N, C-alpha and C. Protein backbone atom coordinates (compact mmCIF):
# COMPACT_ATOMS: atom_id res chain seq x y z
N UNK A 1 -59.34 21.32 24.89
CA UNK A 1 -58.41 22.09 25.68
C UNK A 1 -57.15 22.34 24.85
N UNK A 2 -56.78 23.57 24.68
CA UNK A 2 -55.57 23.91 23.93
C UNK A 2 -54.52 24.42 24.89
N UNK A 3 -53.30 24.12 24.57
CA UNK A 3 -52.19 24.57 25.39
C UNK A 3 -51.42 25.61 24.60
N UNK A 4 -51.30 26.78 25.14
CA UNK A 4 -50.56 27.83 24.46
C UNK A 4 -49.11 27.79 24.93
N UNK A 5 -48.24 28.06 24.00
CA UNK A 5 -46.81 28.08 24.31
C UNK A 5 -46.34 29.52 24.19
N UNK A 6 -45.66 29.97 25.22
CA UNK A 6 -45.14 31.34 25.18
C UNK A 6 -43.97 31.42 24.22
N UNK A 7 -43.59 32.63 23.84
CA UNK A 7 -42.48 32.82 22.92
C UNK A 7 -41.18 32.25 23.46
N UNK A 8 -40.94 32.42 24.74
CA UNK A 8 -39.71 31.90 25.34
C UNK A 8 -39.68 30.37 25.34
N UNK A 9 -40.82 29.76 25.60
CA UNK A 9 -40.90 28.29 25.59
C UNK A 9 -40.68 27.74 24.19
N UNK A 10 -41.28 28.38 23.21
CA UNK A 10 -41.09 27.94 21.81
C UNK A 10 -39.62 28.06 21.42
N UNK A 11 -38.96 29.12 21.84
CA UNK A 11 -37.55 29.31 21.52
C UNK A 11 -36.69 28.24 22.20
N UNK A 12 -37.02 27.87 23.43
CA UNK A 12 -36.27 26.81 24.12
C UNK A 12 -36.46 25.47 23.43
N UNK A 13 -37.69 25.18 22.98
CA UNK A 13 -37.93 23.92 22.28
C UNK A 13 -37.18 23.89 20.96
N UNK A 14 -37.17 25.03 20.26
CA UNK A 14 -36.45 25.10 19.00
C UNK A 14 -34.95 24.93 19.25
N UNK A 15 -34.43 25.54 20.29
CA UNK A 15 -33.01 25.43 20.61
C UNK A 15 -32.65 24.00 21.01
N UNK A 16 -33.58 23.28 21.60
CA UNK A 16 -33.32 21.88 21.98
C UNK A 16 -33.41 20.96 20.77
N UNK A 17 -34.20 21.32 19.76
CA UNK A 17 -34.37 20.49 18.58
C UNK A 17 -33.19 20.60 17.63
N UNK A 18 -32.61 21.77 17.49
CA UNK A 18 -31.53 22.00 16.52
C UNK A 18 -30.35 21.05 16.70
N UNK A 19 -29.82 20.83 17.90
CA UNK A 19 -28.69 19.90 18.02
C UNK A 19 -29.04 18.47 17.61
N UNK A 20 -30.27 18.06 17.87
CA UNK A 20 -30.68 16.71 17.47
C UNK A 20 -30.69 16.59 15.95
N UNK A 21 -31.25 17.57 15.27
CA UNK A 21 -31.28 17.56 13.81
C UNK A 21 -29.87 17.65 13.26
N UNK A 22 -29.03 18.49 13.84
CA UNK A 22 -27.66 18.66 13.38
C UNK A 22 -26.87 17.34 13.49
N UNK A 23 -26.98 16.66 14.61
CA UNK A 23 -26.29 15.39 14.80
C UNK A 23 -26.80 14.35 13.80
N UNK A 24 -28.11 14.35 13.56
CA UNK A 24 -28.69 13.40 12.60
C UNK A 24 -28.16 13.65 11.19
N UNK A 25 -28.13 14.89 10.76
CA UNK A 25 -27.66 15.22 9.41
C UNK A 25 -26.16 14.92 9.28
N UNK A 26 -25.38 15.22 10.27
CA UNK A 26 -23.94 14.91 10.23
C UNK A 26 -23.74 13.39 10.18
N UNK A 27 -24.52 12.65 10.96
CA UNK A 27 -24.43 11.20 10.93
C UNK A 27 -24.78 10.63 9.56
N UNK A 28 -25.79 11.18 8.92
CA UNK A 28 -26.15 10.74 7.58
C UNK A 28 -25.05 11.07 6.58
N UNK A 29 -24.45 12.24 6.70
CA UNK A 29 -23.36 12.63 5.80
C UNK A 29 -22.17 11.69 5.95
N UNK A 30 -21.84 11.34 7.17
CA UNK A 30 -20.73 10.40 7.41
C UNK A 30 -21.08 9.03 6.84
N UNK A 31 -22.32 8.60 7.02
CA UNK A 31 -22.74 7.31 6.48
C UNK A 31 -22.67 7.27 4.97
N UNK A 32 -23.09 8.33 4.30
CA UNK A 32 -23.01 8.39 2.84
C UNK A 32 -21.56 8.40 2.39
N UNK A 33 -20.73 9.15 3.07
CA UNK A 33 -19.32 9.24 2.70
C UNK A 33 -18.62 7.89 2.87
N UNK A 34 -19.01 7.12 3.88
CA UNK A 34 -18.36 5.86 4.17
C UNK A 34 -18.87 4.70 3.32
N UNK A 35 -20.03 4.87 2.67
CA UNK A 35 -20.61 3.81 1.85
C UNK A 35 -19.87 3.71 0.53
N UNK A 36 -19.42 2.52 0.14
CA UNK A 36 -18.71 2.39 -1.13
C UNK A 36 -19.65 2.57 -2.32
N UNK A 37 -19.10 3.05 -3.42
CA UNK A 37 -19.87 3.24 -4.65
C UNK A 37 -20.24 1.87 -5.23
N UNK A 38 -21.49 1.71 -5.64
CA UNK A 38 -21.93 0.43 -6.16
C UNK A 38 -21.89 0.37 -7.69
N UNK A 39 -21.83 1.51 -8.34
CA UNK A 39 -21.80 1.53 -9.81
C UNK A 39 -20.37 1.38 -10.30
N UNK A 40 -20.23 0.72 -11.44
CA UNK A 40 -18.90 0.55 -12.03
C UNK A 40 -18.41 1.85 -12.68
N UNK A 41 -17.12 1.95 -12.86
CA UNK A 41 -16.54 3.14 -13.47
C UNK A 41 -16.55 3.01 -14.98
N UNK A 42 -16.80 4.11 -15.68
CA UNK A 42 -16.76 4.16 -17.14
C UNK A 42 -15.74 5.23 -17.53
N UNK A 43 -14.99 4.95 -18.57
CA UNK A 43 -14.02 5.92 -19.05
C UNK A 43 -14.72 6.98 -19.88
N UNK A 44 -14.45 8.21 -19.60
CA UNK A 44 -14.98 9.31 -20.40
C UNK A 44 -16.33 9.80 -19.92
N UNK A 45 -16.60 11.07 -20.23
CA UNK A 45 -17.84 11.70 -19.80
C UNK A 45 -19.05 11.10 -20.52
N UNK A 46 -18.98 10.95 -21.82
CA UNK A 46 -20.11 10.43 -22.58
C UNK A 46 -20.45 9.00 -22.15
N UNK A 47 -19.45 8.18 -21.91
CA UNK A 47 -19.69 6.79 -21.51
C UNK A 47 -20.34 6.73 -20.13
N UNK A 48 -19.98 7.66 -19.25
CA UNK A 48 -20.55 7.62 -17.91
C UNK A 48 -22.00 8.08 -17.90
N UNK A 49 -22.42 8.84 -18.92
CA UNK A 49 -23.80 9.31 -18.98
C UNK A 49 -24.72 8.35 -19.73
N UNK A 50 -24.18 7.35 -20.40
CA UNK A 50 -24.98 6.41 -21.17
C UNK A 50 -25.66 5.43 -20.21
N UNK A 51 -27.01 5.39 -20.23
CA UNK A 51 -27.69 4.46 -19.32
C UNK A 51 -27.60 3.02 -19.80
N UNK A 52 -27.53 2.12 -18.86
CA UNK A 52 -27.56 0.70 -19.18
C UNK A 52 -28.69 0.07 -18.37
N UNK A 53 -29.51 -0.72 -19.07
CA UNK A 53 -30.65 -1.35 -18.43
C UNK A 53 -30.58 -2.85 -18.70
N UNK A 54 -30.73 -3.62 -17.66
CA UNK A 54 -30.77 -5.08 -17.82
C UNK A 54 -32.03 -5.61 -17.16
N UNK A 55 -32.58 -6.64 -17.75
CA UNK A 55 -33.75 -7.30 -17.21
C UNK A 55 -33.34 -8.74 -16.91
N UNK A 56 -33.54 -9.21 -15.69
CA UNK A 56 -33.16 -10.58 -15.36
C UNK A 56 -33.83 -11.59 -16.30
N UNK A 57 -33.12 -12.63 -16.63
CA UNK A 57 -33.58 -13.63 -17.59
C UNK A 57 -34.94 -14.21 -17.23
N UNK A 58 -35.16 -14.51 -15.96
CA UNK A 58 -36.41 -15.17 -15.57
C UNK A 58 -37.63 -14.24 -15.60
N UNK A 59 -37.44 -12.93 -15.77
CA UNK A 59 -38.57 -12.00 -15.82
C UNK A 59 -38.76 -11.36 -17.19
N UNK A 60 -37.93 -11.71 -18.16
CA UNK A 60 -37.98 -11.05 -19.46
C UNK A 60 -39.31 -11.25 -20.18
N UNK A 61 -39.85 -12.45 -20.17
CA UNK A 61 -41.10 -12.68 -20.89
C UNK A 61 -42.23 -11.84 -20.31
N UNK A 62 -42.33 -11.77 -19.00
CA UNK A 62 -43.35 -10.94 -18.36
C UNK A 62 -43.10 -9.47 -18.63
N UNK A 63 -41.85 -9.06 -18.59
CA UNK A 63 -41.49 -7.66 -18.84
C UNK A 63 -41.91 -7.24 -20.24
N UNK A 64 -41.59 -8.04 -21.24
CA UNK A 64 -41.91 -7.67 -22.61
C UNK A 64 -43.40 -7.77 -22.91
N UNK A 65 -44.15 -8.58 -22.16
CA UNK A 65 -45.60 -8.62 -22.32
C UNK A 65 -46.26 -7.35 -21.77
N UNK A 66 -45.72 -6.78 -20.70
CA UNK A 66 -46.31 -5.63 -20.04
C UNK A 66 -45.82 -4.31 -20.63
N UNK A 67 -44.67 -4.30 -21.27
CA UNK A 67 -44.07 -3.06 -21.78
C UNK A 67 -45.02 -2.25 -22.68
N UNK A 68 -45.73 -2.85 -23.65
CA UNK A 68 -46.63 -2.03 -24.48
C UNK A 68 -47.71 -1.32 -23.67
N UNK A 69 -48.22 -1.97 -22.65
CA UNK A 69 -49.23 -1.34 -21.80
C UNK A 69 -48.65 -0.15 -21.05
N UNK A 70 -47.45 -0.28 -20.56
CA UNK A 70 -46.80 0.80 -19.83
C UNK A 70 -46.53 1.98 -20.78
N UNK A 71 -46.13 1.70 -22.01
CA UNK A 71 -45.85 2.76 -22.98
C UNK A 71 -47.13 3.50 -23.34
N UNK A 72 -48.24 2.80 -23.48
CA UNK A 72 -49.52 3.42 -23.84
C UNK A 72 -50.01 4.33 -22.72
N UNK A 73 -49.86 3.89 -21.50
CA UNK A 73 -50.35 4.68 -20.36
C UNK A 73 -49.45 5.87 -20.18
C-alpha cells in the first residue's frame, strides 16, 4: 500500500521542516563559536602551517613496527 502526498501536503511538510533545520544549524553555529580553541598559537604564517606530530611514549614501539606496513599499503 502506497500513500501519495499531494503537492500542498508536501509543501506544508517542507515548510514545517525548515524551521527545525534552521534552529539546529544556528544552535551548532553558536556551539562552535562558544567552544574554545584547543590548538596552541604559533607566530607567523609559515609556523602555523607546519604540522607537528607526537606519538605517546607507551605506543611508540608498536607505532614504529606498523609504520612500514602502512607506508607499503
